[in-house]
Amino acid sequence: MATQTITQAFVQQRPIGDYAYSGPEAASATFIVGAVLVYTSGLVAEGGTDPIAILGIAGSAGQNKSAGVATTLFTPILPGTIFEMNLCGSASTSYTLTQADLGATYGIVKRTAGAVHWVVDQSDTTNVRVRIVGFVPRIIGGAAVETQLVGDVNARVYCTLIPMQSTNIVSAWG
């Protein structure tokens, strides 16, 4: 068993190939790469507690400028998108992966302790946003190894957004 490093969220597989969008950034945006993004008054901003209309995952950091002055890159989370995050116990606690986590639905949260990346929140089964669809193999010596991941602490998982939790990118840009 191993303790996994908490790192940024990123899109693992896209339903229609590689794509990225840019959008006008909200005022004073200071999010980091891998942040969960939403629209706020037509501007791209970091999601707050239990974000609902999730736009995507930040591909560039917020630039801390006036509203609409800067643009930010993001990968939209459309139906069929698989992304990767750590599975933690909450915003500040660790969690040990179990086989029962496969297929489970949980909330997401921005960490408040240690690395402040967005993670799957195993303790939140009320405000569910994602479904875990797989466990990410550990990389050793540059190659993925199929080792026993159950029992890992803060394991990396593949997940999909639960329908109705994402922004319709077509109408948002339409």
C-alpha atoms as a PDB file:
ATOM      1  CA  MET A   1       0.000   0.000   0.000  1.00  0.00           C
ATOM      2  CA  ALA A   2       1.195   3.524  -0.718  1.00  0.00           C
ATOM      3  CA  THR A   3       0.282   7.093   0.044  1.00  0.00           C
ATOM      4  CA  GLN A   4      -0.272   8.966  -3.209  1.00  0.00           C
ATOM      5  CA  THR A   5       0.816  12.582  -3.668  1.00  0.00           C
ATOM      6  CA  ILE A   6      -2.112  14.953  -4.037  1.00  0.00           C
ATOM      7  CA  THR A   7      -1.760  16.637  -7.430  1.00  0.00           C
ATOM      8  CA  GLN A   8      -3.849  18.637  -9.862  1.00  0.00           C
ATOM      9  CA  ALA A   9      -6.962  17.302 -11.533  1.00  0.00           C
ATOM     10  CA  PHE A  10      -6.742  16.816 -15.279  1.00  0.00           C
ATOM     11  CA  VAL A  11      -8.770  15.438 -18.152  1.00  0.00           C
ATOM     12  CA  GLN A  12      -7.682  11.913 -19.033  1.00  0.00           C
ATOM     13  CA  GLN A  13      -9.913  11.062 -22.003  1.00  0.00           C
ATOM     14  CA  ARG A  14     -12.102  13.272 -24.148  1.00  0.00           C
ATOM     15  CA  PRO A  15     -15.115  12.050 -26.110  1.00  0.00           C
ATOM     16  CA  ILE A  16     -14.142  13.948 -29.294  1.00  0.00           C
ATOM     17  CA  GLY A  17     -10.359  14.217 -29.216  1.00  0.00           C
ATOM     18  CA  ASP A  18      -8.081  16.921 -27.874  1.00  0.00           C
ATOM     19  CA  TYR A  19      -9.728  20.278 -27.426  1.00  0.00           C
ATOM     20  CA  ALA A  20      -9.429  23.305 -25.246  1.00  0.00           C
ATOM     21  CA  TYR A  21     -11.355  26.513 -24.953  1.00  0.00           C
ATOM     22  CA  SER A  22     -10.511  29.918 -23.621  1.00  0.00           C
ATOM     23  CA  GLY A  23     -12.882  32.260 -21.896  1.00  0.00           C
ATOM     24  CA  PRO A  24     -12.922  35.679 -20.279  1.00  0.00           C
ATOM     25  CA  GLU A  25     -11.671  35.438 -16.727  1.00  0.00           C
ATOM     26  CA  ALA A  26     -13.530  36.709 -13.651  1.00  0.00           C
ATOM     27  CA  ALA A  27     -12.024  39.546 -11.622  1.00  0.00           C
ATOM     28  CA  SER A  28      -9.095  38.762  -9.322  1.00  0.00           C
ATOM     29  CA  ALA A  29      -8.983  35.076 -10.376  1.00  0.00           C
ATOM     30  CA  THR A  30      -6.098  33.267  -8.663  1.00  0.00           C
ATOM     31  CA  PHE A  31      -6.981  29.616  -9.312  1.00  0.00           C
ATOM     32  CA  ILE A  32      -4.265  27.109 -10.195  1.00  0.00           C
ATOM     33  CA  VAL A  33      -3.943  24.708 -13.119  1.00  0.00           C
ATOM     34  CA  GLY A  34      -6.287  21.784 -12.468  1.00  0.00           C
ATOM     35  CA  ALA A  35      -8.932  23.883 -10.690  1.00  0.00           C
ATOM     36  CA  VAL A  36     -12.628  23.149 -11.238  1.00  0.00           C
ATOM     37  CA  LEU A  37     -14.131  26.033 -13.209  1.00  0.00           C
ATOM     38  CA  VAL A  38     -17.646  27.461 -13.564  1.00  0.00           C
ATOM     39  CA  TYR A  39     -19.220  30.462 -15.266  1.00  0.00           C
ATOM     40  CA  THR A  40     -20.069  33.416 -13.042  1.00  0.00           C
ATOM     41  CA  SER A  41     -21.952  36.178 -14.861  1.00  0.00           C
ATOM     42  CA  GLY A  42     -20.469  34.975 -18.152  1.00  0.00           C
ATOM     43  CA  LEU A  43     -16.908  34.933 -16.826  1.00  0.00           C
ATOM     44  CA  VAL A  44     -14.722  31.910 -16.035  1.00  0.00           C
ATOM     45  CA  ALA A  45     -14.126  31.512 -12.292  1.00  0.00           C
ATOM     46  CA  GLU A  46     -13.073  28.815  -9.846  1.00  0.00           C
ATOM     47  CA  GLY A  47     -15.986  26.811  -8.477  1.00  0.00           C
ATOM     48  CA  GLY A  48     -17.079  27.334  -4.903  1.00  0.00           C
ATOM     49  CA  THR A  49     -18.414  24.861  -2.380  1.00  0.00           C
ATOM     50  CA  ASP A  50     -20.322  22.054  -4.114  1.00  0.00           C
ATOM     51  CA  PRO A  51     -20.152  23.562  -7.627  1.00  0.00           C
ATOM     52  CA  ILE A  52     -23.144  22.646  -9.772  1.00  0.00           C
ATOM     53  CA  ALA A  53     -22.736  23.921 -13.344  1.00  0.00           C
ATOM     54  CA  ILE A  54     -19.158  22.718 -13.804  1.00  0.00           C
ATOM     55  CA  LEU A  55     -17.539  24.100 -16.922  1.00  0.00           C
ATOM     56  CA  GLY A  56     -14.210  22.310 -16.991  1.00  0.00           C
ATOM     57  CA  ILE A  57     -10.699  21.923 -15.633  1.00  0.00           C
ATOM     58  CA  ALA A  58      -8.286  24.878 -15.752  1.00  0.00           C
ATOM     59  CA  GLY A  59      -5.447  24.538 -18.233  1.00  0.00           C
ATOM     60  CA  SER A  60      -3.878  27.815 -17.150  1.00  0.00           C
ATOM     61  CA  ALA A  61      -3.685  29.661 -13.850  1.00  0.00           C
ATOM     62  CA  GLY A  62      -5.859  32.662 -13.025  1.00  0.00           C
ATOM     63  CA  GLN A  63      -4.105  35.938 -13.807  1.00  0.00           C
ATOM     64  CA  ASN A  64      -5.538  38.144 -11.003  1.00  0.00           C
ATOM     65  CA  LYS A  65      -6.711  40.937 -13.321  1.00  0.00           C
ATOM     66  CA  SER A  66      -9.897  42.966 -13.748  1.00  0.00           C
ATOM     67  CA  ALA A  67     -12.996  41.139 -15.004  1.00  0.00           C
ATOM     68  CA  GLY A  68     -12.822  40.195 -18.673  1.00  0.00           C
ATOM     69  CA  VAL A  69      -9.294  41.549 -19.211  1.00  0.00           C
ATOM     70  CA  ALA A  70      -7.519  38.179 -19.168  1.00  0.00           C
ATOM     71  CA  THR A  71      -8.539  34.923 -20.785  1.00  0.00           C
ATOM     72  CA  THR A  72      -8.005  31.492 -19.308  1.00  0.00           C
ATOM     73  CA  LEU A  73      -7.613  28.126 -20.997  1.00  0.00           C
ATOM     74  CA  PHE A  74      -9.723  25.189 -19.866  1.00  0.00           C
ATOM     75  CA  THR A  75     -10.740  21.743 -20.988  1.00  0.00           C
ATOM     76  CA  PRO A  76     -14.520  21.484 -20.912  1.00  0.00           C
ATOM     77  CA  ILE A  77     -16.035  18.487 -19.178  1.00  0.00           C
ATOM     78  CA  LEU A  78     -18.591  17.205 -21.650  1.00  0.00           C
ATOM     79  CA  PRO A  79     -20.585  13.962 -21.416  1.00  0.00           C
ATOM     80  CA  GLY A  80     -18.147  11.074 -21.801  1.00  0.00           C
ATOM     81  CA  THR A  81     -15.127  12.979 -20.492  1.00  0.00           C
ATOM     82  CA  ILE A  82     -13.012  10.999 -18.041  1.00  0.00           C
ATOM     83  CA  PHE A  83     -10.833  12.962 -15.681  1.00  0.00           C
ATOM     84  CA  GLU A  84      -8.398  12.064 -12.938  1.00  0.00           C
ATOM     85  CA  MET A  85      -8.317  13.279  -9.338  1.00  0.00           C
ATOM     86  CA  ASN A  86      -7.163  12.111  -5.909  1.00  0.00           C
ATOM     87  CA  LEU A  87      -9.785  10.472  -3.669  1.00  0.00           C
ATOM     88  CA  CYS A  88      -9.520  12.017  -0.200  1.00  0.00           C
ATOM     89  CA  GLY A  89     -11.572  11.866   2.986  1.00  0.00           C
ATOM     90  CA  SER A  90     -12.565  15.554   2.919  1.00  0.00           C
ATOM     91  CA  ALA A  91     -11.029  18.969   2.314  1.00  0.00           C
ATOM     92  CA  SER A  92      -8.425  18.229   4.972  1.00  0.00           C
ATOM     93  CA  THR A  93      -8.267  14.473   5.632  1.00  0.00           C
ATOM     94  CA  SER A  94      -6.790  11.445   3.919  1.00  0.00           C
ATOM     95  CA  TYR A  95      -8.700   8.380   2.776  1.00  0.00           C
ATOM     96  CA  THR A  96      -7.757   4.747   2.128  1.00  0.00           C
ATOM     97  CA  LEU A  97      -9.127   3.350  -1.148  1.00  0.00           C
ATOM     98  CA  THR A  98     -11.486   0.351  -0.956  1.00  0.00           C
ATOM     99  CA  GLN A  99     -12.899  -1.832  -3.725  1.00  0.00           C
ATOM    100  CA  ALA A 100     -16.369  -0.451  -2.877  1.00  0.00           C
ATOM    101  CA  ASP A 101     -15.251   2.973  -4.155  1.00  0.00           C
ATOM    102  CA  LEU A 102     -15.419   1.698  -7.741  1.00  0.00           C
ATOM    103  CA  GLY A 103     -18.738   2.924  -9.150  1.00  0.00           C
ATOM    104  CA  ALA A 104     -19.469   5.079  -6.100  1.00  0.00           C
ATOM    105  CA  THR A 105     -20.638   8.691  -6.373  1.00  0.00           C
ATOM    106  CA  TYR A 106     -19.088  11.462  -4.296  1.00  0.00           C
ATOM    107  CA  GLY A 107     -18.746  15.211  -4.066  1.00  0.00           C
ATOM    108  CA  ILE A 108     -15.677  17.218  -4.990  1.00  0.00           C
ATOM    109  CA  VAL A 109     -13.860  19.757  -2.857  1.00  0.00           C
ATOM    110  CA  LYS A 110     -10.838  22.044  -2.903  1.00  0.00           C
ATOM    111  CA  ARG A 111      -8.287  20.903  -0.322  1.00  0.00           C
ATOM    112  CA  THR A 112      -7.661  23.187   2.639  1.00  0.00           C
ATOM    113  CA  ALA A 113      -4.681  21.269   4.006  1.00  0.00           C
ATOM    114  CA  GLY A 114      -1.405  20.529   2.264  1.00  0.00           C
ATOM    115  CA  ALA A 115      -1.673  20.745  -1.524  1.00  0.00           C
ATOM    116  CA  VAL A 116      -4.739  22.895  -2.308  1.00  0.00           C
ATOM    117  CA  HIS A 117      -5.844  20.922  -5.368  1.00  0.00           C
ATOM    118  CA  TRP A 118      -9.414  19.834  -6.136  1.00  0.00           C
ATOM    119  CA  VAL A 119     -10.122  16.250  -5.055  1.00  0.00           C
ATOM    120  CA  VAL A 120     -12.958  13.748  -4.884  1.00  0.00           C
ATOM    121  CA  ASP A 121     -14.516  14.037  -1.408  1.00  0.00           C
ATOM    122  CA  GLN A 122     -15.336  10.533  -0.160  1.00  0.00           C
ATOM    123  CA  SER A 123     -17.121  11.963   2.895  1.00  0.00           C
ATOM    124  CA  ASP A 124     -19.687  13.816   0.734  1.00  0.00           C
ATOM    125  CA  THR A 125     -22.364  11.434  -0.487  1.00  0.00           C
ATOM    126  CA  THR A 126     -25.076  14.141  -0.487  1.00  0.00           C
ATOM    127  CA  ASN A 127     -23.725  16.721  -2.957  1.00  0.00           C
ATOM    128  CA  VAL A 128     -22.497  14.146  -5.464  1.00  0.00           C
ATOM    129  CA  ARG A 129     -20.749  15.432  -8.580  1.00  0.00           C
ATOM    130  CA  VAL A 130     -18.670  12.509  -9.864  1.00  0.00           C
ATOM    131  CA  ARG A 131     -18.786   8.732 -10.320  1.00  0.00           C
ATOM    132  CA  ILE A 132     -15.568   6.756  -9.922  1.00  0.00           C
ATOM    133  CA  VAL A 133     -15.061   4.603 -13.015  1.00  0.00           C
ATOM    134  CA  GLY A 134     -11.550   3.279 -12.417  1.00  0.00           C
ATOM    135  CA  PHE A 135      -8.413   3.298 -10.327  1.00  0.00           C
ATOM    136  CA  VAL A 136      -5.275   4.905 -11.789  1.00  0.00           C
ATOM    137  CA  PRO A 137      -2.303   2.493 -11.905  1.00  0.00           C
ATOM    138  CA  ARG A 138       0.848   3.598 -10.132  1.00  0.00           C
ATOM    139  CA  ILE A 139       3.758   4.636 -12.331  1.00  0.00           C
ATOM    140  CA  ILE A 140       7.084   3.059 -11.386  1.00  0.00           C
ATOM    141  CA  GLY A 141      10.164   3.596 -13.503  1.00  0.00           C
ATOM    142  CA  GLY A 142       8.136   5.316 -16.215  1.00  0.00           C
ATOM    143  CA  ALA A 143       5.749   2.382 -16.726  1.00  0.00           C
ATOM    144  CA  ALA A 144       2.278   1.724 -15.350  1.00  0.00           C
ATOM    145  CA  VAL A 145       2.269  -1.259 -13.056  1.00  0.00           C
ATOM    146  CA  GLU A 146      -0.789  -3.255 -12.166  1.00  0.00           C
ATOM    147  CA  THR A 147      -0.316  -3.458  -8.432  1.00  0.00           C
ATOM    148  CA  GLN A 148      -2.944  -3.699  -5.743  1.00  0.00           C
ATOM    149  CA  LEU A 149      -4.325  -0.155  -5.497  1.00  0.00           C
ATOM    150  CA  VAL A 150      -6.939  -0.956  -2.872  1.00  0.00           C
ATOM    151  CA  GLY A 151      -5.410   0.180   0.382  1.00  0.00           C
ATOM    152  CA  ASP A 152      -3.589   3.159  -1.132  1.00  0.00           C
ATOM    153  CA  VAL A 153      -4.075   6.448   0.711  1.00  0.00           C
ATOM    154  CA  ASN A 154      -5.376   9.405  -1.358  1.00  0.00           C
ATOM    155  CA  ALA A 155      -5.331   7.199  -4.467  1.00  0.00           C
ATOM    156  CA  ARG A 156      -5.742   8.660  -7.941  1.00  0.00           C
ATOM    157  CA  VAL A 157      -9.052   7.681  -9.553  1.00  0.00           C
ATOM    158  CA  TYR A 158     -10.715   8.068 -12.936  1.00  0.00           C
ATOM    159  CA  CYS A 159     -14.124   9.698 -12.714  1.00  0.00           C
ATOM    160  CA  THR A 160     -16.909  11.114 -14.826  1.00  0.00           C
ATOM    161  CA  LEU A 161     -19.200  13.997 -14.083  1.00  0.00           C
ATOM    162  CA  ILE A 162     -22.691  12.978 -13.092  1.00  0.00           C
ATOM    163  CA  PRO A 163     -25.179  14.260 -15.719  1.00  0.00           C
ATOM    164  CA  MET A 164     -26.721  17.662 -14.996  1.00  0.00           C
ATOM    165  CA  GLN A 165     -23.567  18.829 -13.194  1.00  0.00           C
ATOM    166  CA  SER A 166     -21.879  20.355 -16.246  1.00  0.00           C
ATOM    167  CA  THR A 167     -22.457  23.507 -18.262  1.00  0.00           C
ATOM    168  CA  ASN A 168     -23.797  23.005 -21.786  1.00  0.00           C
ATOM    169  CA  ILE A 169     -20.797  24.414 -23.642  1.00  0.00           C
ATOM    170  CA  VAL A 170     -22.762  24.916 -26.876  1.00  0.00           C
ATOM    171  CA  SER A 171     -25.387  27.177 -25.343  1.00  0.00           C
ATOM    172  CA  ALA A 172     -22.799  28.831 -23.097  1.00  0.00           C
ATOM    173  CA  TRP A 173     -20.781  29.979 -26.107  1.00  0.00           C
ATOM    174  CA  GLY A 174     -23.732  30.136 -28.523  1.00  0.00           C
END
